[in-house]
N, C-alpha and C. Protein backbone atom coordinates (compact mmCIF):
# COMPACT_ATOMS: atom_id res chain seq x y z
N MET A 1 -78.90 -90.18 57.55
CA MET A 1 -79.52 -91.45 57.83
C MET A 1 -80.72 -91.17 58.73
N SER A 2 -81.81 -91.89 58.47
CA SER A 2 -83.04 -91.53 59.18
C SER A 2 -83.79 -92.68 59.81
N GLY A 3 -83.48 -93.91 59.49
CA GLY A 3 -84.19 -95.03 60.09
C GLY A 3 -83.28 -96.23 60.26
N ILE A 4 -83.58 -97.06 61.25
CA ILE A 4 -82.78 -98.26 61.49
C ILE A 4 -83.71 -99.42 61.82
N ALA A 5 -83.36 -100.60 61.34
CA ALA A 5 -84.17 -101.79 61.60
C ALA A 5 -83.27 -102.94 62.01
N GLY A 6 -83.78 -103.76 62.93
CA GLY A 6 -83.06 -104.94 63.36
C GLY A 6 -83.54 -106.17 62.62
N ASP A 7 -82.73 -107.22 62.64
CA ASP A 7 -83.13 -108.48 62.04
C ASP A 7 -83.98 -109.27 63.04
N ALA A 8 -84.28 -110.51 62.73
CA ALA A 8 -85.14 -111.34 63.59
C ALA A 8 -84.55 -111.55 64.98
N ARG A 9 -83.23 -111.43 65.11
CA ARG A 9 -82.56 -111.59 66.41
C ARG A 9 -82.39 -110.27 67.16
N GLY A 10 -82.85 -109.17 66.56
CA GLY A 10 -82.73 -107.87 67.20
C GLY A 10 -81.42 -107.17 66.94
N ARG A 11 -80.60 -107.71 66.05
CA ARG A 11 -79.33 -107.06 65.70
C ARG A 11 -79.58 -106.01 64.62
N ALA A 12 -78.85 -104.92 64.66
CA ALA A 12 -78.98 -103.90 63.62
C ALA A 12 -78.71 -104.53 62.25
N ALA A 13 -79.59 -104.29 61.30
CA ALA A 13 -79.45 -104.91 59.98
C ALA A 13 -79.43 -103.89 58.84
N TRP A 14 -80.30 -102.89 58.87
CA TRP A 14 -80.41 -101.89 57.80
C TRP A 14 -80.55 -100.50 58.39
N ILE A 15 -79.94 -99.53 57.76
CA ILE A 15 -80.15 -98.12 58.06
C ILE A 15 -80.57 -97.45 56.75
N SER A 16 -81.65 -96.70 56.79
CA SER A 16 -82.12 -96.01 55.59
C SER A 16 -81.70 -94.55 55.64
N GLY A 17 -81.70 -93.90 54.47
CA GLY A 17 -81.32 -92.50 54.43
C GLY A 17 -81.48 -91.88 53.07
N TRP A 18 -80.69 -90.87 52.82
CA TRP A 18 -80.76 -90.10 51.59
C TRP A 18 -79.36 -89.69 51.19
N ASN A 19 -79.01 -89.86 49.92
CA ASN A 19 -77.70 -89.51 49.41
C ASN A 19 -77.82 -88.24 48.59
N PHE A 20 -77.43 -87.09 49.15
CA PHE A 20 -77.61 -85.84 48.44
C PHE A 20 -76.70 -85.71 47.23
N ARG A 21 -75.61 -86.46 47.15
CA ARG A 21 -74.71 -86.39 46.00
C ARG A 21 -75.19 -87.20 44.82
N ASP A 22 -75.89 -88.29 45.07
CA ASP A 22 -76.41 -89.15 43.99
C ASP A 22 -77.86 -89.48 44.30
N GLN A 23 -78.76 -88.75 43.70
CA GLN A 23 -80.18 -88.90 43.98
C GLN A 23 -80.88 -89.82 42.97
N SER A 24 -80.11 -90.64 42.28
CA SER A 24 -80.70 -91.53 41.27
C SER A 24 -81.38 -92.75 41.87
N SER A 25 -81.04 -93.09 43.10
CA SER A 25 -81.68 -94.22 43.77
C SER A 25 -81.52 -94.06 45.28
N SER A 26 -82.28 -94.84 46.02
CA SER A 26 -82.22 -94.77 47.48
C SER A 26 -80.88 -95.31 47.98
N THR A 27 -80.56 -94.98 49.23
CA THR A 27 -79.29 -95.38 49.82
C THR A 27 -79.54 -96.01 51.19
N TYR A 28 -78.86 -97.13 51.44
CA TYR A 28 -78.95 -97.83 52.71
C TYR A 28 -77.56 -98.19 53.19
N LEU A 29 -77.45 -98.44 54.47
CA LEU A 29 -76.30 -99.15 55.02
C LEU A 29 -76.83 -100.49 55.49
N ARG A 30 -76.12 -101.56 55.15
CA ARG A 30 -76.53 -102.91 55.54
C ARG A 30 -75.41 -103.53 56.36
N ARG A 31 -75.79 -104.12 57.47
CA ARG A 31 -74.82 -104.80 58.33
C ARG A 31 -74.46 -106.12 57.68
N ASP A 32 -73.17 -106.30 57.41
CA ASP A 32 -72.68 -107.51 56.77
C ASP A 32 -71.57 -108.07 57.64
N GLY A 33 -71.94 -108.96 58.55
CA GLY A 33 -70.96 -109.47 59.51
C GLY A 33 -70.61 -108.40 60.52
N ASP A 34 -69.35 -107.99 60.53
CA ASP A 34 -68.89 -106.97 61.46
C ASP A 34 -68.76 -105.59 60.81
N ALA A 35 -69.17 -105.45 59.56
CA ALA A 35 -69.01 -104.19 58.85
C ALA A 35 -70.33 -103.71 58.24
N TRP A 36 -70.38 -102.42 57.97
CA TRP A 36 -71.52 -101.83 57.26
C TRP A 36 -71.13 -101.64 55.80
N THR A 37 -72.03 -101.99 54.88
CA THR A 37 -71.79 -101.77 53.46
C THR A 37 -72.89 -100.89 52.90
N VAL A 38 -72.56 -100.08 51.90
CA VAL A 38 -73.54 -99.23 51.23
C VAL A 38 -74.29 -100.07 50.21
N VAL A 39 -75.61 -99.98 50.24
CA VAL A 39 -76.47 -100.68 49.30
C VAL A 39 -77.37 -99.65 48.65
N ARG A 40 -77.49 -99.70 47.33
CA ARG A 40 -78.35 -98.78 46.61
C ARG A 40 -79.65 -99.47 46.25
N GLY A 41 -80.75 -98.74 46.30
CA GLY A 41 -82.05 -99.26 45.90
C GLY A 41 -82.16 -99.29 44.39
N PRO A 42 -83.31 -99.67 43.86
CA PRO A 42 -83.47 -99.75 42.41
C PRO A 42 -83.38 -98.39 41.74
N ALA A 43 -82.55 -98.27 40.72
CA ALA A 43 -82.39 -97.02 39.99
C ALA A 43 -83.66 -96.69 39.22
N GLY A 44 -84.01 -95.41 39.23
CA GLY A 44 -85.15 -94.95 38.45
C GLY A 44 -86.50 -95.12 39.10
N ALA A 45 -86.57 -95.78 40.25
CA ALA A 45 -87.85 -95.97 40.92
C ALA A 45 -88.44 -94.63 41.38
N ALA A 46 -87.61 -93.69 41.76
CA ALA A 46 -88.00 -92.33 42.12
C ALA A 46 -86.81 -91.43 41.81
N THR A 47 -87.07 -90.17 41.52
CA THR A 47 -85.99 -89.28 41.10
C THR A 47 -85.07 -88.85 42.24
N ALA A 48 -85.56 -88.77 43.43
CA ALA A 48 -84.72 -88.41 44.57
C ALA A 48 -85.30 -89.01 45.84
N PRO A 49 -85.35 -90.35 45.94
CA PRO A 49 -86.01 -90.97 47.08
C PRO A 49 -85.38 -90.58 48.41
N TYR A 50 -86.22 -90.15 49.32
CA TYR A 50 -85.81 -89.78 50.66
C TYR A 50 -86.50 -90.74 51.62
N LEU A 51 -85.74 -91.61 52.25
CA LEU A 51 -86.31 -92.66 53.09
C LEU A 51 -86.39 -92.21 54.54
N ASN A 52 -87.56 -92.34 55.13
CA ASN A 52 -87.77 -91.94 56.52
C ASN A 52 -87.55 -93.07 57.50
N ASP A 53 -87.85 -94.31 57.09
CA ASP A 53 -87.76 -95.42 58.03
C ASP A 53 -87.65 -96.73 57.28
N VAL A 54 -87.18 -97.75 57.97
CA VAL A 54 -87.08 -99.10 57.44
C VAL A 54 -87.48 -100.05 58.57
N ALA A 55 -88.21 -101.12 58.23
CA ALA A 55 -88.70 -102.03 59.25
C ALA A 55 -88.63 -103.48 58.78
N HIS A 56 -88.32 -104.37 59.70
CA HIS A 56 -88.28 -105.81 59.44
C HIS A 56 -89.71 -106.34 59.38
N VAL A 57 -89.97 -107.24 58.45
CA VAL A 57 -91.28 -107.91 58.35
C VAL A 57 -91.18 -109.19 59.17
N PRO A 58 -91.88 -109.27 60.31
CA PRO A 58 -91.78 -110.44 61.18
C PRO A 58 -92.06 -111.75 60.44
N GLY A 59 -91.28 -112.77 60.77
CA GLY A 59 -91.46 -114.09 60.18
C GLY A 59 -90.85 -114.24 58.80
N THR A 60 -90.15 -113.20 58.31
CA THR A 60 -89.52 -113.26 56.99
C THR A 60 -88.09 -112.73 57.09
N THR A 61 -87.39 -112.75 55.97
CA THR A 61 -86.08 -112.11 55.90
C THR A 61 -86.20 -110.75 55.21
N GLY A 62 -87.43 -110.32 54.96
CA GLY A 62 -87.66 -109.07 54.24
C GLY A 62 -87.80 -107.85 55.12
N PHE A 63 -87.61 -106.70 54.48
CA PHE A 63 -87.74 -105.40 55.12
C PHE A 63 -88.52 -104.49 54.17
N TRP A 64 -89.22 -103.52 54.74
CA TRP A 64 -89.89 -102.48 53.95
C TRP A 64 -89.31 -101.15 54.37
N SER A 65 -89.14 -100.27 53.39
CA SER A 65 -88.67 -98.92 53.65
C SER A 65 -89.70 -97.95 53.11
N VAL A 66 -89.92 -96.85 53.83
CA VAL A 66 -90.91 -95.85 53.41
C VAL A 66 -90.29 -94.46 53.43
N GLY A 67 -90.86 -93.59 52.62
CA GLY A 67 -90.39 -92.22 52.56
C GLY A 67 -91.15 -91.43 51.53
N MET A 68 -90.44 -90.51 50.88
CA MET A 68 -91.02 -89.63 49.87
C MET A 68 -90.15 -89.66 48.61
N THR A 69 -90.71 -89.21 47.50
CA THR A 69 -89.96 -89.16 46.26
C THR A 69 -89.04 -87.96 46.18
N SER A 70 -89.04 -87.12 47.21
CA SER A 70 -88.19 -85.93 47.26
C SER A 70 -87.94 -85.56 48.72
N PRO A 71 -86.79 -84.96 49.04
CA PRO A 71 -86.56 -84.55 50.42
C PRO A 71 -87.42 -83.37 50.86
N SER A 72 -88.03 -82.71 49.90
CA SER A 72 -88.90 -81.57 50.21
C SER A 72 -90.35 -82.03 50.31
N PRO A 73 -91.11 -81.58 51.31
CA PRO A 73 -92.50 -82.02 51.46
C PRO A 73 -93.47 -81.32 50.50
N TYR A 74 -92.96 -80.49 49.62
CA TYR A 74 -93.83 -79.72 48.73
C TYR A 74 -94.11 -80.49 47.45
N PRO A 75 -95.28 -80.28 46.84
CA PRO A 75 -95.62 -80.98 45.59
C PRO A 75 -94.56 -80.74 44.53
N PRO A 76 -94.28 -81.72 43.74
CA PRO A 76 -95.03 -82.96 43.51
C PRO A 76 -94.52 -84.16 44.27
N THR A 77 -94.10 -84.02 45.50
CA THR A 77 -93.66 -85.16 46.32
C THR A 77 -94.77 -86.18 46.48
N GLU A 78 -94.41 -87.45 46.39
CA GLU A 78 -95.37 -88.55 46.57
C GLU A 78 -94.81 -89.55 47.58
N ALA A 79 -95.69 -90.32 48.17
CA ALA A 79 -95.27 -91.40 49.08
C ALA A 79 -94.45 -92.41 48.29
N TYR A 80 -93.50 -93.04 48.96
CA TYR A 80 -92.59 -93.96 48.30
C TYR A 80 -92.31 -95.15 49.22
N THR A 81 -92.29 -96.36 48.66
CA THR A 81 -91.96 -97.57 49.42
C THR A 81 -91.00 -98.43 48.62
N GLU A 82 -90.18 -99.20 49.33
CA GLU A 82 -89.30 -100.19 48.71
C GLU A 82 -89.28 -101.43 49.57
N ARG A 83 -89.21 -102.58 48.92
CA ARG A 83 -89.09 -103.85 49.63
C ARG A 83 -87.66 -104.34 49.49
N LEU A 84 -87.08 -104.72 50.62
CA LEU A 84 -85.70 -105.21 50.65
C LEU A 84 -85.72 -106.67 51.06
N LEU A 85 -84.93 -107.49 50.39
CA LEU A 85 -84.80 -108.90 50.73
C LEU A 85 -83.36 -109.21 51.03
N LEU A 86 -83.14 -110.05 52.02
CA LEU A 86 -81.77 -110.48 52.33
C LEU A 86 -81.38 -111.67 51.49
């Protein structure tokens, strides 16, 4: 896990990361009440998305996550973003 973002009230809401066992889509933990649940990003958007950070968009219920299309910084890695909505 590599990034964490709070909601509008400052409570932990999303944690971003990388799932080395299933690289078909991005992996997050989302705070759901008193528990964390695993949430997967869109399949096929990148072959092995590695998320570095996630941030709340002020004034909205949305979040943006950023990273790379591979955990390795070597080509052909490209910048990668995902938009998350609650």
